[in-house]
PDB file of N, CA and C in Angstrom:
ATOM      1  N   MET A   1      28.528 -52.052  60.346  1.00  0.00           N
ATOM      2  CA  MET A   1      29.742 -52.235  59.588  1.00  0.00           C
ATOM      3  C   MET A   1      30.926 -51.887  60.482  1.00  0.00           C
ATOM      4  N   ALA A   2      31.966 -52.681  60.434  1.00  0.00           N
ATOM      5  CA  ALA A   2      33.170 -52.449  61.217  1.00  0.00           C
ATOM      6  C   ALA A   2      34.380 -52.551  60.307  1.00  0.00           C
ATOM      7  N   ALA A   3      35.475 -51.923  60.731  1.00  0.00           N
ATOM      8  CA  ALA A   3      36.713 -51.989  59.961  1.00  0.00           C
ATOM      9  C   ALA A   3      37.888 -51.971  60.920  1.00  0.00           C
ATOM     10  N   SER A   4      38.928 -52.661  60.526  1.00  0.00           N
ATOM     11  CA  SER A   4      40.175 -52.668  61.274  1.00  0.00           C
ATOM     12  C   SER A   4      41.289 -52.317  60.310  1.00  0.00           C
ATOM     13  N   VAL A   5      42.127 -51.367  60.697  1.00  0.00           N
ATOM     14  CA  VAL A   5      43.225 -50.928  59.847  1.00  0.00           C
ATOM     15  C   VAL A   5      44.520 -51.258  60.561  1.00  0.00           C
ATOM     16  N   SER A   6      45.379 -51.981  59.889  1.00  0.00           N
ATOM     17  CA  SER A   6      46.658 -52.348  60.485  1.00  0.00           C
ATOM     18  C   SER A   6      47.763 -52.118  59.474  1.00  0.00           C
ATOM     19  N   GLN A   7      48.428 -50.964  59.598  1.00  0.00           N
ATOM     20  CA  GLN A   7      49.533 -50.619  58.724  1.00  0.00           C
ATOM     21  C   GLN A   7      50.595 -49.908  59.556  1.00  0.00           C
ATOM     22  N   PRO A   8      51.354 -50.651  60.361  1.00  0.00           N
ATOM     23  CA  PRO A   8      52.300 -50.023  61.275  1.00  0.00           C
ATOM     24  C   PRO A   8      53.319 -49.103  60.616  1.00  0.00           C
ATOM     25  N   ALA A   9      53.642 -49.305  59.349  1.00  0.00           N
ATOM     26  CA  ALA A   9      54.643 -48.472  58.699  1.00  0.00           C
ATOM     27  C   ALA A   9      54.097 -47.085  58.374  1.00  0.00           C
ATOM     28  N   ASP A  10      52.788 -46.907  58.393  1.00  0.00           N
ATOM     29  CA  ASP A  10      52.170 -45.639  58.043  1.00  0.00           C
ATOM     30  C   ASP A  10      52.016 -44.778  59.286  1.00  0.00           C
ATOM     31  N   SER A  11      52.241 -43.474  59.144  1.00  0.00           N
ATOM     32  CA  SER A  11      52.112 -42.591  60.302  1.00  0.00           C
ATOM     33  C   SER A  11      50.782 -41.865  60.338  1.00  0.00           C
ATOM     34  N   GLY A  12      49.930 -42.081  59.358  1.00  0.00           N
ATOM     35  CA  GLY A  12      48.618 -41.451  59.334  1.00  0.00           C
ATOM     36  C   GLY A  12      47.648 -42.339  58.588  1.00  0.00           C
ATOM     37  N   ALA A  13      46.372 -42.239  58.913  1.00  0.00           N
ATOM     38  CA  ALA A  13      45.350 -43.033  58.236  1.00  0.00           C
ATOM     39  C   ALA A  13      44.880 -42.240  57.031  1.00  0.00           C
ATOM     40  N   ARG A  14      45.652 -42.258  55.957  1.00  0.00           N
ATOM     41  CA  ARG A  14      45.354 -41.468  54.764  1.00  0.00           C
ATOM     42  C   ARG A  14      44.503 -42.260  53.788  1.00  0.00           C
ATOM     43  N   GLY A  15      43.779 -41.526  52.956  1.00  0.00           N
ATOM     44  CA  GLY A  15      43.046 -42.156  51.880  1.00  0.00           C
ATOM     45  C   GLY A  15      41.793 -42.886  52.303  1.00  0.00           C
ATOM     46  N   ILE A  16      41.235 -42.543  53.440  1.00  0.00           N
ATOM     47  CA  ILE A  16      40.001 -43.187  53.875  1.00  0.00           C
ATOM     48  C   ILE A  16      38.852 -42.411  53.258  1.00  0.00           C
ATOM     49  N   GLY A  17      38.155 -43.047  52.352  1.00  0.00           N
ATOM     50  CA  GLY A  17      37.041 -42.399  51.670  1.00  0.00           C
ATOM     51  C   GLY A  17      35.770 -42.484  52.485  1.00  0.00           C
ATOM     52  N   PRO A  18      34.687 -41.905  51.960  1.00  0.00           N
ATOM     53  CA  PRO A  18      33.426 -41.929  52.699  1.00  0.00           C
ATOM     54  C   PRO A  18      32.860 -43.336  52.841  1.00  0.00           C
ATOM     55  N   VAL A  19      32.568 -43.702  54.050  1.00  0.00           N
ATOM     56  CA  VAL A  19      31.961 -45.005  54.357  1.00  0.00           C
ATOM     57  C   VAL A  19      30.778 -44.686  55.255  1.00  0.00           C
ATOM     58  N   SER A  20      29.624 -44.433  54.651  1.00  0.00           N
ATOM     59  CA  SER A  20      28.500 -43.871  55.387  1.00  0.00           C
ATOM     60  C   SER A  20      27.951 -44.775  56.486  1.00  0.00           C
ATOM     61  N   GLN A  21      28.116 -46.080  56.391  1.00  0.00           N
ATOM     62  CA  GLN A  21      27.542 -46.984  57.383  1.00  0.00           C
ATOM     63  C   GLN A  21      28.553 -47.467  58.426  1.00  0.00           C
ATOM     64  N   LEU A  22      29.773 -46.991  58.380  1.00  0.00           N
ATOM     65  CA  LEU A  22      30.805 -47.420  59.321  1.00  0.00           C
ATOM     66  C   LEU A  22      30.413 -47.048  60.741  1.00  0.00           C
ATOM     67  N   GLN A  23      30.393 -48.035  61.638  1.00  0.00           N
ATOM     68  CA  GLN A  23      30.021 -47.799  63.032  1.00  0.00           C
ATOM     69  C   GLN A  23      31.182 -48.001  63.992  1.00  0.00           C
ATOM     70  N   TRP A  24      32.158 -48.788  63.623  1.00  0.00           N
ATOM     71  CA  TRP A  24      33.288 -49.073  64.506  1.00  0.00           C
ATOM     72  C   TRP A  24      34.555 -49.171  63.668  1.00  0.00           C
ATOM     73  N   LEU A  25      35.617 -48.534  64.132  1.00  0.00           N
ATOM     74  CA  LEU A  25      36.880 -48.525  63.396  1.00  0.00           C
ATOM     75  C   LEU A  25      38.018 -48.778  64.374  1.00  0.00           C
ATOM     76  N   ASP A  26      38.844 -49.754  64.057  1.00  0.00           N
ATOM     77  CA  ASP A  26      39.990 -50.092  64.900  1.00  0.00           C
ATOM     78  C   ASP A  26      41.257 -49.551  64.255  1.00  0.00           C
ATOM     79  N   LEU A  27      41.811 -48.490  64.833  1.00  0.00           N
ATOM     80  CA  LEU A  27      43.075 -47.912  64.378  1.00  0.00           C
ATOM     81  C   LEU A  27      44.184 -48.165  65.391  1.00  0.00           C
ATOM     82  N   GLY A  28      43.953 -49.104  66.304  1.00  0.00           N
ATOM     83  CA  GLY A  28      44.908 -49.399  67.365  1.00  0.00           C
ATOM     84  C   GLY A  28      46.200 -50.005  66.851  1.00  0.00           C
ATOM     85  N   ASP A  29      47.278 -49.720  67.580  1.00  0.00           N
ATOM     86  CA  ASP A  29      48.602 -50.294  67.330  1.00  0.00           C
ATOM     87  C   ASP A  29      49.105 -50.047  65.910  1.00  0.00           C
ATOM     88  N   ASN A  30      48.975 -48.824  65.450  1.00  0.00           N
ATOM     89  CA  ASN A  30      49.404 -48.474  64.103  1.00  0.00           C
ATOM     90  C   ASN A  30      50.490 -47.409  64.047  1.00  0.00           C
ATOM     91  N   GLN A  31      50.977 -46.947  65.169  1.00  0.00           N
ATOM     92  CA  GLN A  31      51.989 -45.895  65.200  1.00  0.00           C
ATOM     93  C   GLN A  31      51.506 -44.615  64.523  1.00  0.00           C
ATOM     94  N   LEU A  32      50.203 -44.328  64.649  1.00  0.00           N
ATOM     95  CA  LEU A  32      49.643 -43.120  64.052  1.00  0.00           C
ATOM     96  C   LEU A  32      50.131 -41.887  64.794  1.00  0.00           C
ATOM     97  N   THR A  33      50.276 -40.798  64.062  1.00  0.00           N
ATOM     98  CA  THR A  33      50.581 -39.503  64.669  1.00  0.00           C
ATOM     99  C   THR A  33      49.377 -38.575  64.582  1.00  0.00           C
ATOM    100  N   ALA A  34      48.466 -38.866  63.660  1.00  0.00           N
ATOM    101  CA  ALA A  34      47.282 -38.026  63.480  1.00  0.00           C
ATOM    102  C   ALA A  34      46.140 -38.852  62.906  1.00  0.00           C
ATOM    103  N   VAL A  35      44.931 -38.455  63.259  1.00  0.00           N
ATOM    104  CA  VAL A  35      43.721 -39.057  62.706  1.00  0.00           C
ATOM    105  C   VAL A  35      43.146 -38.025  61.737  1.00  0.00           C
ATOM    106  N   PRO A  36      42.829 -38.413  60.514  1.00  0.00           N
ATOM    107  CA  PRO A  36      42.338 -37.440  59.538  1.00  0.00           C
ATOM    108  C   PRO A  36      40.980 -36.858  59.930  1.00  0.00           C
ATOM    109  N   ALA A  37      40.819 -35.582  59.674  1.00  0.00           N
ATOM    110  CA  ALA A  37      39.575 -34.884  59.995  1.00  0.00           C
ATOM    111  C   ALA A  37      38.378 -35.513  59.302  1.00  0.00           C
ATOM    112  N   GLU A  38      38.576 -36.162  58.176  1.00  0.00           N
ATOM    113  CA  GLU A  38      37.484 -36.792  57.433  1.00  0.00           C
ATOM    114  C   GLU A  38      36.718 -37.813  58.266  1.00  0.00           C
ATOM    115  N   LEU A  39      37.366 -38.419  59.253  1.00  0.00           N
ATOM    116  CA  LEU A  39      36.667 -39.380  60.110  1.00  0.00           C
ATOM    117  C   LEU A  39      35.529 -38.712  60.875  1.00  0.00           C
ATOM    118  N   GLY A  40      35.634 -37.427  61.104  1.00  0.00           N
ATOM    119  CA  GLY A  40      34.575 -36.701  61.781  1.00  0.00           C
ATOM    120  C   GLY A  40      33.287 -36.637  60.982  1.00  0.00           C
ATOM    121  N   GLN A  41      33.363 -36.909  59.692  1.00  0.00           N
ATOM    122  CA  GLN A  41      32.183 -36.861  58.831  1.00  0.00           C
ATOM    123  C   GLN A  41      31.440 -38.189  58.775  1.00  0.00           C
ATOM    124  N   PHE A  42      31.966 -39.214  59.422  1.00  0.00           N
ATOM    125  CA  PHE A  42      31.294 -40.511  59.441  1.00  0.00           C
ATOM    126  C   PHE A  42      30.175 -40.448  60.473  1.00  0.00           C
ATOM    127  N   THR A  43      28.982 -40.154  60.020  1.00  0.00           N
ATOM    128  CA  THR A  43      27.863 -39.865  60.914  1.00  0.00           C
ATOM    129  C   THR A  43      27.378 -41.070  61.708  1.00  0.00           C
ATOM    130  N   GLN A  44      27.635 -42.274  61.241  1.00  0.00           N
ATOM    131  CA  GLN A  44      27.189 -43.478  61.943  1.00  0.00           C
ATOM    132  C   GLN A  44      28.251 -44.033  62.895  1.00  0.00           C
ATOM    133  N   LEU A  45      29.430 -43.437  62.925  1.00  0.00           N
ATOM    134  CA  LEU A  45      30.533 -43.941  63.743  1.00  0.00           C
ATOM    135  C   LEU A  45      30.178 -43.836  65.222  1.00  0.00           C
ATOM    136  N   LYS A  46      30.192 -44.970  65.891  1.00  0.00           N
ATOM    137  CA  LYS A  46      29.841 -45.041  67.313  1.00  0.00           C
ATOM    138  C   LYS A  46      31.067 -45.198  68.211  1.00  0.00           C
ATOM    139  N   ASP A  47      32.114 -45.783  67.668  1.00  0.00           N
ATOM    140  CA  ASP A  47      33.308 -46.016  68.481  1.00  0.00           C
ATOM    141  C   ASP A  47      34.486 -46.317  67.573  1.00  0.00           C
ATOM    142  N   PHE A  48      35.659 -45.948  68.016  1.00  0.00           N
ATOM    143  CA  PHE A  48      36.863 -46.434  67.365  1.00  0.00           C
ATOM    144  C   PHE A  48      38.004 -46.494  68.349  1.00  0.00           C
ATOM    145  N   ASN A  49      38.900 -47.418  68.074  1.00  0.00           N
ATOM    146  CA  ASN A  49      40.023 -47.705  68.953  1.00  0.00           C
ATOM    147  C   ASN A  49      41.253 -46.956  68.458  1.00  0.00           C
ATOM    148  N   LEU A  50      41.855 -46.166  69.342  1.00  0.00           N
ATOM    149  CA  LEU A  50      43.102 -45.474  69.033  1.00  0.00           C
ATOM    150  C   LEU A  50      44.240 -45.927  69.949  1.00  0.00           C
ATOM    151  N   ALA A  51      43.995 -46.945  70.763  1.00  0.00           N
ATOM    152  CA  ALA A  51      45.005 -47.422  71.716  1.00  0.00           C
ATOM    153  C   ALA A  51      46.242 -47.930  70.978  1.00  0.00           C
ATOM    154  N   GLY A  52      47.375 -47.796  71.605  1.00  0.00           N
ATOM    155  CA  GLY A  52      48.613 -48.322  71.034  1.00  0.00           C
ATOM    156  C   GLY A  52      49.211 -47.420  69.970  1.00  0.00           C
ATOM    157  N   ASN A  53      48.886 -46.140  70.014  1.00  0.00           N
ATOM    158  CA  ASN A  53      49.475 -45.146  69.115  1.00  0.00           C
ATOM    159  C   ASN A  53      50.157 -44.087  69.974  1.00  0.00           C
ATOM    160  N   PRO A  54      51.328 -44.402  70.530  1.00  0.00           N
ATOM    161  CA  PRO A  54      51.958 -43.524  71.519  1.00  0.00           C
ATOM    162  C   PRO A  54      52.358 -42.155  70.977  1.00  0.00           C
ATOM    163  N   ASN A  55      52.489 -42.008  69.674  1.00  0.00           N
ATOM    164  CA  ASN A  55      52.900 -40.730  69.093  1.00  0.00           C
ATOM    165  C   ASN A  55      51.723 -39.918  68.562  1.00  0.00           C
ATOM    166  N   LEU A  56      50.498 -40.349  68.876  1.00  0.00           N
ATOM    167  CA  LEU A  56      49.312 -39.648  68.405  1.00  0.00           C
ATOM    168  C   LEU A  56      49.229 -38.268  69.053  1.00  0.00           C
ATOM    169  N   HIS A  57      49.151 -37.236  68.217  1.00  0.00           N
ATOM    170  CA  HIS A  57      49.027 -35.875  68.745  1.00  0.00           C
ATOM    171  C   HIS A  57      47.806 -35.139  68.182  1.00  0.00           C
ATOM    172  N   HIS A  58      47.134 -35.729  67.226  1.00  0.00           N
ATOM    173  CA  HIS A  58      45.944 -35.104  66.637  1.00  0.00           C
ATOM    174  C   HIS A  58      44.874 -36.156  66.445  1.00  0.00           C
ATOM    175  N   PRO A  59      43.902 -36.269  67.312  1.00  0.00           N
ATOM    176  CA  PRO A  59      43.598 -35.406  68.449  1.00  0.00           C
ATOM    177  C   PRO A  59      44.542 -35.659  69.623  1.00  0.00           C
ATOM    178  N   PRO A  60      44.682 -34.659  70.488  1.00  0.00           N
ATOM    179  CA  PRO A  60      45.580 -34.812  71.636  1.00  0.00           C
ATOM    180  C   PRO A  60      45.038 -35.819  72.652  1.00  0.00           C
ATOM    181  N   PRO A  61      45.918 -36.350  73.493  1.00  0.00           N
ATOM    182  CA  PRO A  61      45.524 -37.378  74.460  1.00  0.00           C
ATOM    183  C   PRO A  61      44.352 -36.996  75.358  1.00  0.00           C
ATOM    184  N   ASP A  62      44.247 -35.731  75.777  1.00  0.00           N
ATOM    185  CA  ASP A  62      43.133 -35.357  76.649  1.00  0.00           C
ATOM    186  C   ASP A  62      41.794 -35.465  75.924  1.00  0.00           C
ATOM    187  N   VAL A  63      41.766 -35.199  74.631  1.00  0.00           N
ATOM    188  CA  VAL A  63      40.542 -35.353  73.847  1.00  0.00           C
ATOM    189  C   VAL A  63      40.222 -36.835  73.659  1.00  0.00           C
ATOM    190  N   VAL A  64      41.228 -37.638  73.344  1.00  0.00           N
ATOM    191  CA  VAL A  64      41.037 -39.082  73.173  1.00  0.00           C
ATOM    192  C   VAL A  64      40.481 -39.683  74.461  1.00  0.00           C
ATOM    193  N   HIS A  65      41.014 -39.247  75.581  1.00  0.00           N
ATOM    194  CA  HIS A  65      40.563 -39.750  76.883  1.00  0.00           C
ATOM    195  C   HIS A  65      39.080 -39.460  77.131  1.00  0.00           C
ATOM    196  N   GLU A  66      38.566 -38.370  76.586  1.00  0.00           N
ATOM    197  CA  GLU A  66      37.161 -37.997  76.783  1.00  0.00           C
ATOM    198  C   GLU A  66      36.194 -38.883  76.005  1.00  0.00           C
ATOM    199  N   GLY A  67      36.679 -39.594  74.994  1.00  0.00           N
ATOM    200  CA  GLY A  67      35.812 -40.527  74.280  1.00  0.00           C
ATOM    201  C   GLY A  67      35.402 -40.090  72.891  1.00  0.00           C
ATOM    202  N   ILE A  68      34.555 -40.916  72.296  1.00  0.00           N
ATOM    203  CA  ILE A  68      34.192 -40.789  70.887  1.00  0.00           C
ATOM    204  C   ILE A  68      33.558 -39.442  70.553  1.00  0.00           C
ATOM    205  N   GLU A  69      32.647 -38.949  71.374  1.00  0.00           N
ATOM    206  CA  GLU A  69      31.982 -37.684  71.050  1.00  0.00           C
ATOM    207  C   GLU A  69      32.973 -36.523  71.031  1.00  0.00           C
ATOM    208  N   ALA A  70      33.880 -36.485  71.996  1.00  0.00           N
ATOM    209  CA  ALA A  70      34.888 -35.427  72.034  1.00  0.00           C
ATOM    210  C   ALA A  70      35.831 -35.541  70.841  1.00  0.00           C
ATOM    211  N   ILE A  71      36.206 -36.755  70.484  1.00  0.00           N
ATOM    212  CA  ILE A  71      37.096 -36.962  69.339  1.00  0.00           C
ATOM    213  C   ILE A  71      36.420 -36.489  68.060  1.00  0.00           C
ATOM    214  N   LEU A  72      35.172 -36.901  67.852  1.00  0.00           N
ATOM    215  CA  LEU A  72      34.463 -36.513  66.635  1.00  0.00           C
ATOM    216  C   LEU A  72      34.249 -34.998  66.582  1.00  0.00           C
ATOM    217  N   THR A  73      33.938 -34.379  67.710  1.00  0.00           N
ATOM    218  CA  THR A  73      33.794 -32.928  67.747  1.00  0.00           C
ATOM    219  C   THR A  73      35.102 -32.256  67.379  1.00  0.00           C
ATOM    220  N   PHE A  74      36.199 -32.751  67.944  1.00  0.00           N
ATOM    221  CA  PHE A  74      37.520 -32.218  67.633  1.00  0.00           C
ATOM    222  C   PHE A  74      37.803 -32.312  66.138  1.00  0.00           C
ATOM    223  N   LEU A  75      37.525 -33.479  65.540  1.00  0.00           N
ATOM    224  CA  LEU A  75      37.786 -33.668  64.115  1.00  0.00           C
ATOM    225  C   LEU A  75      36.866 -32.811  63.256  1.00  0.00           C
ATOM    226  N   ARG A  76      35.613 -32.689  63.653  1.00  0.00           N
ATOM    227  CA  ARG A  76      34.636 -31.916  62.872  1.00  0.00           C
ATOM    228  C   ARG A  76      34.883 -30.416  62.923  1.00  0.00           C
ATOM    229  N   THR A  77      35.516 -29.957  63.989  1.00  0.00           N
ATOM    230  CA  THR A  77      35.740 -28.521  64.151  1.00  0.00           C
ATOM    231  C   THR A  77      37.174 -28.117  63.840  1.00  0.00           C
ATOM    232  N   GLY A  78      37.931 -28.999  63.270  1.00  0.00           N
ATOM    233  CA  GLY A  78      39.311 -28.669  62.934  1.00  0.00           C
ATOM    234  C   GLY A  78      40.184 -28.436  64.149  1.00  0.00           C
ATOM    235  N   GLY A  79      39.829 -29.079  65.259  1.00  0.00           N
ATOM    236  CA  GLY A  79      40.634 -28.965  66.475  1.00  0.00           C
ATOM    237  C   GLY A  79      40.223 -27.837  67.387  1.00  0.00           C
ATOM    238  N   ARG A  80      39.178 -27.120  67.026  1.00  0.00           N
ATOM    239  CA  ARG A  80      38.683 -26.039  67.883  1.00  0.00           C
ATOM    240  C   ARG A  80      37.531 -26.584  68.708  1.00  0.00           C
ATOM    241  N   MET A  81      37.821 -26.919  69.950  1.00  0.00           N
ATOM    242  CA  MET A  81      36.817 -27.520  70.821  1.00  0.00           C
ATOM    243  C   MET A  81      35.946 -26.429  71.447  1.00  0.00           C
ATOM    244  N   PRO A  82      34.618 -26.646  71.446  1.00  0.00           N
ATOM    245  CA  PRO A  82      33.748 -25.726  72.185  1.00  0.00           C
ATOM    246  C   PRO A  82      34.127 -25.745  73.663  1.00  0.00           C
ATOM    247  N   PRO A  83      33.906 -24.647  74.396  1.00  0.00           N
ATOM    248  CA  PRO A  83      34.338 -24.583  75.803  1.00  0.00           C
ATOM    249  C   PRO A  83      33.801 -25.694  76.683  1.00  0.00           C
ATOM    250  N   ASP A  84      32.620 -26.227  76.404  1.00  0.00           N
ATOM    251  CA  ASP A  84      32.061 -27.270  77.259  1.00  0.00           C
ATOM    252  C   ASP A  84      32.200 -28.667  76.672  1.00  0.00           C
ATOM    253  N   ALA A  85      33.028 -28.838  75.645  1.00  0.00           N
ATOM    254  CA  ALA A  85      33.135 -30.134  74.969  1.00  0.00           C
ATOM    255  C   ALA A  85      33.840 -31.188  75.792  1.00  0.00           C
ATOM    256  N   THR A  86      34.774 -30.805  76.624  1.00  0.00           N
ATOM    257  CA  THR A  86      35.493 -31.785  77.435  1.00  0.00           C
ATOM    258  C   THR A  86      35.618 -31.274  78.860  1.00  0.00           C
ATOM    259  N   SER A  87      35.777 -32.191  79.784  1.00  0.00           N
ATOM    260  CA  SER A  87      35.975 -31.786  81.173  1.00  0.00           C
ATOM    261  C   SER A  87      37.312 -31.074  81.336  1.00  0.00           C
ATOM    262  N   GLN A  88      38.261 -31.339  80.439  1.00  0.00           N
ATOM    263  CA  GLN A  88      39.562 -30.670  80.490  1.00  0.00           C
ATOM    264  C   GLN A  88      39.358 -29.168  80.394  1.00  0.00           C
ATOM    265  N   SER A  89      38.463 -28.718  79.510  1.00  0.00           N
ATOM    266  CA  SER A  89      38.256 -27.301  79.347  1.00  0.00           C
ATOM    267  C   SER A  89      37.478 -26.680  80.497  1.00  0.00           C
ATOM    268  N   LYS A  90      36.826 -27.508  81.321  1.00  0.00           N
ATOM    269  CA  LYS A  90      36.066 -27.013  82.459  1.00  0.00           C
ATOM    270  C   LYS A  90      36.938 -26.782  83.690  1.00  0.00           C
ATOM    271  N   ARG A  91      38.154 -27.292  83.650  1.00  0.00           N
ATOM    272  CA  ARG A  91      39.042 -27.155  84.811  1.00  0.00           C
ATOM    273  C   ARG A  91      39.508 -25.718  84.944  1.00  0.00           C
ATOM    274  N   GLU A  92      39.686 -25.305  86.178  1.00  0.00           N
ATOM    275  CA  GLU A  92      40.199 -23.972  86.456  1.00  0.00           C
ATOM    276  C   GLU A  92      41.673 -23.912  86.073  1.00  0.00           C
ATOM    277  N   PRO A  93      42.128 -22.778  85.503  1.00  0.00           N
ATOM    278  CA  PRO A  93      43.552 -22.657  85.182  1.00  0.00           C
ATOM    279  C   PRO A  93      44.395 -22.686  86.456  1.00  0.00           C
ATOM    280  N   THR A  94      45.594 -23.219  86.334  1.00  0.00           N
ATOM    281  CA  THR A  94      46.480 -23.290  87.505  1.00  0.00           C
ATOM    282  C   THR A  94      47.520 -22.219  87.450  1.00  0.00           C
TER     283      THR A  94
END
C-alpha cells in the first residue's frame, strides 16, 4: 500500500490515522515543519519521501539524512535518539 499527501497550505501532516499496511508514504513538497510521531507506529512502513520540505525541523535534517530507520526511531522515541542510532551521534565533539 502506498500513499501520497499533497497539501502545501498545511504545515503538518495532521489527522493521519492508523494504516497498518502502509509501506510507502510521499510527504514531499508540502512545506511541512514537522512529521507526526504517529508515523513511527506504522510497522510496515519501508520508506517515505520528505524531500522538498525546507522548513522541516522534526525530525531534524541530520536524522532525515540517515534514512527511514533513523527517522522511525526518532518518531518512536519522541526525538530521543539512542547513542548509536545515527552516525551523527558517533562523531567526536568539536
